[in-house]
N, C-alpha and C. Protein backbone atom coordinates (compact mmCIF):
# COMPACT_ATOMS: atom_id res chain seq x y z
N MET A 1 -11.71 -3.39 3.69
CA MET A 1 -10.40 -3.79 3.17
C MET A 1 -9.64 -2.58 2.67
N THR A 2 -8.40 -2.43 3.10
CA THR A 2 -7.59 -1.29 2.73
C THR A 2 -7.34 -1.25 1.21
N MET A 3 -7.41 -0.07 0.66
CA MET A 3 -7.19 0.15 -0.79
C MET A 3 -6.04 1.15 -0.93
N ARG A 4 -5.06 0.75 -1.71
CA ARG A 4 -3.93 1.64 -1.96
C ARG A 4 -3.82 1.88 -3.45
N LEU A 5 -3.56 3.15 -3.80
CA LEU A 5 -3.51 3.56 -5.18
C LEU A 5 -2.23 4.34 -5.46
N CYS A 6 -1.71 4.15 -6.67
CA CYS A 6 -0.62 5.02 -7.21
C CYS A 6 -1.27 5.92 -8.23
N CYS A 7 -1.09 7.22 -8.03
CA CYS A 7 -1.66 8.20 -8.94
C CYS A 7 -0.55 8.97 -9.63
N LEU A 8 -0.51 8.92 -10.96
CA LEU A 8 0.48 9.63 -11.74
C LEU A 8 -0.26 10.82 -12.41
N LEU A 9 0.31 12.03 -12.34
CA LEU A 9 -0.34 13.24 -12.82
C LEU A 9 0.61 13.97 -13.77
N TRP A 10 0.09 14.40 -14.91
CA TRP A 10 0.84 15.22 -15.85
C TRP A 10 0.16 16.59 -15.96
N ALA A 11 0.95 17.63 -15.80
CA ALA A 11 0.38 19.00 -15.89
C ALA A 11 0.28 19.44 -17.36
N ARG A 12 -0.65 20.32 -17.59
CA ARG A 12 -0.74 21.00 -18.89
C ARG A 12 0.53 21.84 -19.00
N PRO A 13 0.97 22.19 -20.20
CA PRO A 13 2.15 23.02 -20.38
C PRO A 13 2.06 24.30 -19.52
N GLY A 14 3.11 24.51 -18.75
CA GLY A 14 3.18 25.70 -17.88
C GLY A 14 2.30 25.69 -16.67
N ALA A 15 1.64 24.57 -16.37
CA ALA A 15 0.68 24.53 -15.27
C ALA A 15 1.11 23.64 -14.09
N SER A 16 2.39 23.37 -13.94
CA SER A 16 2.81 22.47 -12.85
C SER A 16 2.47 23.09 -11.49
N GLU A 17 2.61 24.37 -11.33
CA GLU A 17 2.27 25.01 -10.06
C GLU A 17 0.77 24.95 -9.78
N ALA A 18 -0.03 25.09 -10.83
CA ALA A 18 -1.48 24.97 -10.71
C ALA A 18 -1.89 23.55 -10.35
N LEU A 19 -1.21 22.57 -10.94
CA LEU A 19 -1.46 21.18 -10.58
C LEU A 19 -1.21 20.96 -9.07
N ALA A 20 -0.08 21.41 -8.61
CA ALA A 20 0.26 21.27 -7.16
C ALA A 20 -0.74 21.96 -6.28
N ALA A 21 -1.20 23.13 -6.66
CA ALA A 21 -2.16 23.87 -5.87
C ALA A 21 -3.51 23.15 -5.81
N TYR A 22 -3.94 22.61 -6.93
CA TYR A 22 -5.19 21.86 -6.99
C TYR A 22 -5.05 20.59 -6.09
N GLU A 23 -3.96 19.89 -6.23
CA GLU A 23 -3.78 18.68 -5.42
C GLU A 23 -3.71 19.00 -3.95
N ASP A 24 -3.08 20.10 -3.56
CA ASP A 24 -3.09 20.50 -2.16
C ASP A 24 -4.51 20.62 -1.62
N LYS A 25 -5.39 21.18 -2.44
CA LYS A 25 -6.80 21.35 -1.99
C LYS A 25 -7.51 20.03 -1.83
N VAL A 26 -7.44 19.17 -2.88
CA VAL A 26 -8.25 17.97 -2.83
C VAL A 26 -7.65 16.89 -1.90
N LEU A 27 -6.34 16.83 -1.78
CA LEU A 27 -5.73 15.87 -0.86
C LEU A 27 -6.03 16.22 0.59
N ALA A 28 -6.34 17.46 0.89
CA ALA A 28 -6.71 17.87 2.22
C ALA A 28 -8.07 17.22 2.63
N LEU A 29 -8.83 16.73 1.69
CA LEU A 29 -10.14 16.08 1.95
C LEU A 29 -10.00 14.61 2.32
N LEU A 30 -8.85 14.03 2.07
CA LEU A 30 -8.71 12.57 2.24
C LEU A 30 -9.12 12.06 3.61
N ALA A 31 -8.69 12.72 4.65
CA ALA A 31 -8.92 12.24 6.03
C ALA A 31 -10.42 12.10 6.30
N GLU A 32 -11.22 12.96 5.71
CA GLU A 32 -12.68 12.89 5.95
C GLU A 32 -13.30 11.67 5.29
N HIS A 33 -12.53 10.98 4.46
CA HIS A 33 -13.00 9.78 3.75
C HIS A 33 -12.18 8.55 4.10
N ASP A 34 -11.61 8.59 5.33
CA ASP A 34 -10.75 7.51 5.80
C ASP A 34 -9.61 7.22 4.82
N GLY A 35 -9.04 8.29 4.29
CA GLY A 35 -7.93 8.19 3.38
C GLY A 35 -6.73 8.98 3.88
N ARG A 36 -5.56 8.66 3.34
CA ARG A 36 -4.37 9.42 3.66
C ARG A 36 -3.34 9.28 2.55
N ILE A 37 -2.56 10.30 2.45
CA ILE A 37 -1.47 10.29 1.49
C ILE A 37 -0.28 9.59 2.15
N LEU A 38 0.24 8.52 1.52
CA LEU A 38 1.39 7.81 2.03
C LEU A 38 2.65 8.48 1.58
N GLN A 39 2.64 8.95 0.31
CA GLN A 39 3.84 9.61 -0.22
C GLN A 39 3.41 10.48 -1.38
N ARG A 40 4.03 11.62 -1.49
CA ARG A 40 3.77 12.52 -2.59
C ARG A 40 5.13 13.00 -3.11
N ALA A 41 5.34 12.91 -4.40
CA ALA A 41 6.65 13.27 -4.94
C ALA A 41 6.44 14.07 -6.23
N ARG A 42 7.36 14.90 -6.54
CA ARG A 42 7.31 15.70 -7.78
C ARG A 42 8.46 15.28 -8.68
N ALA A 43 8.16 15.25 -9.97
CA ALA A 43 9.19 14.98 -10.97
C ALA A 43 9.21 16.23 -11.88
N ASP A 44 10.03 16.17 -12.90
CA ASP A 44 10.13 17.35 -13.79
C ASP A 44 9.20 17.34 -14.97
N GLY A 45 8.47 16.25 -15.20
CA GLY A 45 7.53 16.22 -16.27
C GLY A 45 8.14 16.14 -17.66
N ALA A 46 9.46 16.08 -17.70
CA ALA A 46 10.16 16.06 -19.02
C ALA A 46 10.10 14.67 -19.63
N GLU A 47 10.18 14.61 -20.94
CA GLU A 47 10.31 13.38 -21.72
C GLU A 47 9.23 12.34 -21.35
N GLY A 48 8.02 12.86 -21.14
CA GLY A 48 6.87 12.00 -20.87
C GLY A 48 6.69 11.56 -19.43
N ARG A 49 7.57 12.00 -18.57
CA ARG A 49 7.50 11.64 -17.14
C ARG A 49 6.35 12.45 -16.50
N PRO A 50 5.70 11.88 -15.47
CA PRO A 50 4.64 12.63 -14.79
C PRO A 50 5.24 13.78 -14.00
N ASP A 51 4.42 14.75 -13.69
CA ASP A 51 4.86 15.88 -12.87
C ASP A 51 4.73 15.58 -11.35
N GLU A 52 3.76 14.69 -11.06
CA GLU A 52 3.55 14.34 -9.63
C GLU A 52 3.17 12.89 -9.54
N ILE A 53 3.67 12.24 -8.47
CA ILE A 53 3.37 10.87 -8.18
C ILE A 53 2.86 10.83 -6.75
N GLN A 54 1.75 10.10 -6.54
CA GLN A 54 1.18 9.98 -5.18
C GLN A 54 0.90 8.53 -4.88
N LEU A 55 1.14 8.14 -3.61
CA LEU A 55 0.64 6.88 -3.09
C LEU A 55 -0.43 7.24 -2.04
N ILE A 56 -1.62 6.74 -2.27
CA ILE A 56 -2.75 7.09 -1.45
C ILE A 56 -3.38 5.82 -0.87
N GLU A 57 -3.86 5.91 0.37
CA GLU A 57 -4.47 4.78 1.01
C GLU A 57 -5.88 5.14 1.52
N PHE A 58 -6.81 4.28 1.29
CA PHE A 58 -8.16 4.39 1.86
C PHE A 58 -8.46 3.19 2.69
N ALA A 59 -9.19 3.38 3.78
CA ALA A 59 -9.55 2.23 4.65
C ALA A 59 -10.52 1.27 3.94
N SER A 60 -11.23 1.77 2.93
CA SER A 60 -12.19 0.94 2.22
C SER A 60 -12.52 1.51 0.84
N GLN A 61 -13.15 0.71 0.02
CA GLN A 61 -13.64 1.16 -1.30
C GLN A 61 -14.64 2.27 -1.10
N ALA A 62 -15.47 2.18 -0.04
CA ALA A 62 -16.48 3.21 0.22
C ALA A 62 -15.82 4.55 0.49
N GLY A 63 -14.70 4.55 1.20
CA GLY A 63 -13.97 5.80 1.44
C GLY A 63 -13.53 6.42 0.16
N TYR A 64 -12.96 5.60 -0.76
CA TYR A 64 -12.50 6.10 -2.08
C TYR A 64 -13.67 6.69 -2.83
N GLU A 65 -14.77 5.95 -2.86
CA GLU A 65 -15.98 6.43 -3.61
C GLU A 65 -16.48 7.71 -3.02
N GLY A 66 -16.48 7.85 -1.72
CA GLY A 66 -16.88 9.10 -1.05
C GLY A 66 -16.00 10.25 -1.41
N PHE A 67 -14.69 10.01 -1.46
CA PHE A 67 -13.75 11.03 -1.84
C PHE A 67 -14.01 11.49 -3.28
N MET A 68 -14.17 10.53 -4.17
CA MET A 68 -14.39 10.85 -5.56
C MET A 68 -15.70 11.64 -5.77
N ALA A 69 -16.70 11.35 -4.95
CA ALA A 69 -18.02 12.01 -5.11
C ALA A 69 -18.15 13.31 -4.28
N ASP A 70 -17.12 13.57 -3.44
CA ASP A 70 -17.17 14.74 -2.56
C ASP A 70 -17.42 16.01 -3.40
N GLU A 71 -18.46 16.70 -3.07
CA GLU A 71 -18.87 17.91 -3.81
C GLU A 71 -17.77 19.00 -3.78
N ARG A 72 -17.02 19.08 -2.74
CA ARG A 72 -15.95 20.06 -2.67
C ARG A 72 -14.87 19.72 -3.70
N ARG A 73 -14.64 18.43 -3.97
CA ARG A 73 -13.66 18.01 -4.95
C ARG A 73 -14.23 18.20 -6.38
N THR A 74 -15.46 17.73 -6.56
CA THR A 74 -16.06 17.79 -7.89
C THR A 74 -16.28 19.23 -8.36
N SER A 75 -16.53 20.13 -7.39
CA SER A 75 -16.77 21.55 -7.74
C SER A 75 -15.52 22.24 -8.30
N LEU A 76 -14.37 21.58 -8.13
CA LEU A 76 -13.08 22.13 -8.62
C LEU A 76 -12.70 21.54 -9.97
N ALA A 77 -13.67 20.94 -10.69
CA ALA A 77 -13.40 20.28 -11.98
C ALA A 77 -12.75 21.24 -13.01
N GLY A 78 -13.24 22.48 -13.04
CA GLY A 78 -12.68 23.44 -13.99
C GLY A 78 -11.21 23.74 -13.67
N GLU A 79 -10.91 23.90 -12.40
CA GLU A 79 -9.53 24.13 -11.96
C GLU A 79 -8.68 22.94 -12.31
N ARG A 80 -9.19 21.73 -12.08
CA ARG A 80 -8.47 20.53 -12.39
C ARG A 80 -8.22 20.42 -13.88
N ASP A 81 -9.24 20.65 -14.69
CA ASP A 81 -9.10 20.53 -16.14
C ASP A 81 -8.10 21.55 -16.71
N ALA A 82 -8.02 22.72 -16.09
CA ALA A 82 -7.08 23.74 -16.57
C ALA A 82 -5.64 23.36 -16.23
N ALA A 83 -5.42 22.61 -15.16
CA ALA A 83 -4.07 22.30 -14.70
C ALA A 83 -3.58 20.91 -15.10
N ILE A 84 -4.45 19.93 -15.21
CA ILE A 84 -4.04 18.54 -15.34
C ILE A 84 -4.39 18.04 -16.74
N ALA A 85 -3.38 17.59 -17.46
CA ALA A 85 -3.56 17.06 -18.82
C ALA A 85 -3.92 15.58 -18.78
N ARG A 86 -3.35 14.86 -17.81
CA ARG A 86 -3.53 13.38 -17.83
C ARG A 86 -3.32 12.84 -16.42
N THR A 87 -4.14 11.84 -16.08
CA THR A 87 -4.05 11.14 -14.80
C THR A 87 -4.09 9.65 -15.07
N GLU A 88 -3.21 8.89 -14.42
CA GLU A 88 -3.25 7.45 -14.43
C GLU A 88 -3.31 7.00 -12.98
N LEU A 89 -4.21 6.05 -12.72
CA LEU A 89 -4.44 5.56 -11.36
C LEU A 89 -4.37 4.06 -11.39
N TYR A 90 -3.54 3.49 -10.45
CA TYR A 90 -3.32 2.05 -10.42
C TYR A 90 -3.51 1.56 -8.96
N PRO A 91 -4.20 0.43 -8.79
CA PRO A 91 -4.19 -0.21 -7.49
C PRO A 91 -2.83 -0.82 -7.25
N VAL A 92 -2.31 -0.66 -6.08
CA VAL A 92 -0.99 -1.24 -5.77
C VAL A 92 -0.98 -1.88 -4.37
N GLU A 93 0.02 -2.72 -4.16
CA GLU A 93 0.30 -3.27 -2.84
C GLU A 93 1.67 -2.81 -2.43
N LEU A 94 1.81 -2.49 -1.18
CA LEU A 94 3.12 -2.08 -0.65
C LEU A 94 4.01 -3.30 -0.49
N VAL A 95 5.27 -3.16 -0.78
CA VAL A 95 6.22 -4.24 -0.66
C VAL A 95 7.15 -3.98 0.48
N GLU A 96 7.27 -4.94 1.36
CA GLU A 96 8.15 -4.80 2.50
C GLU A 96 9.57 -4.66 2.05
N GLN A 97 10.30 -3.68 2.61
CA GLN A 97 11.72 -3.49 2.30
C GLN A 97 12.53 -4.61 2.90
N ARG A 98 13.40 -5.21 2.11
CA ARG A 98 14.30 -6.21 2.63
C ARG A 98 15.69 -5.63 2.69
N SER A 99 16.42 -5.96 3.69
CA SER A 99 17.80 -5.51 3.75
C SER A 99 18.61 -6.41 2.84
N HIS A 100 19.53 -5.80 2.15
CA HIS A 100 20.40 -6.54 1.21
C HIS A 100 21.82 -6.60 1.80
N PRO A 101 22.45 -7.74 1.65
CA PRO A 101 23.82 -7.82 2.15
C PRO A 101 24.73 -6.91 1.35
N ALA A 102 25.77 -6.44 2.01
CA ALA A 102 26.78 -5.60 1.36
C ALA A 102 27.48 -6.36 0.29
N PRO A 103 27.78 -5.77 -0.84
CA PRO A 103 28.52 -6.50 -1.88
C PRO A 103 29.82 -7.09 -1.32
N SER A 104 30.20 -8.20 -1.85
CA SER A 104 31.41 -8.85 -1.33
C SER A 104 32.63 -7.96 -1.56
N GLY A 105 33.51 -7.97 -0.62
CA GLY A 105 34.74 -7.15 -0.68
C GLY A 105 34.57 -5.75 -0.12
N THR A 106 33.38 -5.46 0.43
CA THR A 106 33.18 -4.15 1.07
C THR A 106 32.84 -4.36 2.53
N THR A 107 33.04 -3.33 3.27
CA THR A 107 32.69 -3.37 4.69
C THR A 107 31.72 -2.24 4.94
N GLU A 108 30.89 -2.44 5.96
CA GLU A 108 29.95 -1.39 6.30
C GLU A 108 30.42 -0.56 7.46
């Protein structure tokens, strides 16, 4: 069963580039665990907002567990801890986009 996650990441002060570099490394491992990044976005981290937002998909729970246990990922724990202050992870379902009619009085 497909598993989709929303991951919110907050960098330690002054470490937003280190966060991005760490994520580049570990996200490169996803495919080996039947996972893929659906979307990756960066925010400014100001006023409590996360620095990075990711939507990730795994073909199964086993793929997710394999990714989390991957020694190449876990061996980078020190790098992760130096760059990332906080992580929030949520299971999500994708919502199909619906087209909305143009507001009355306008033309397309």
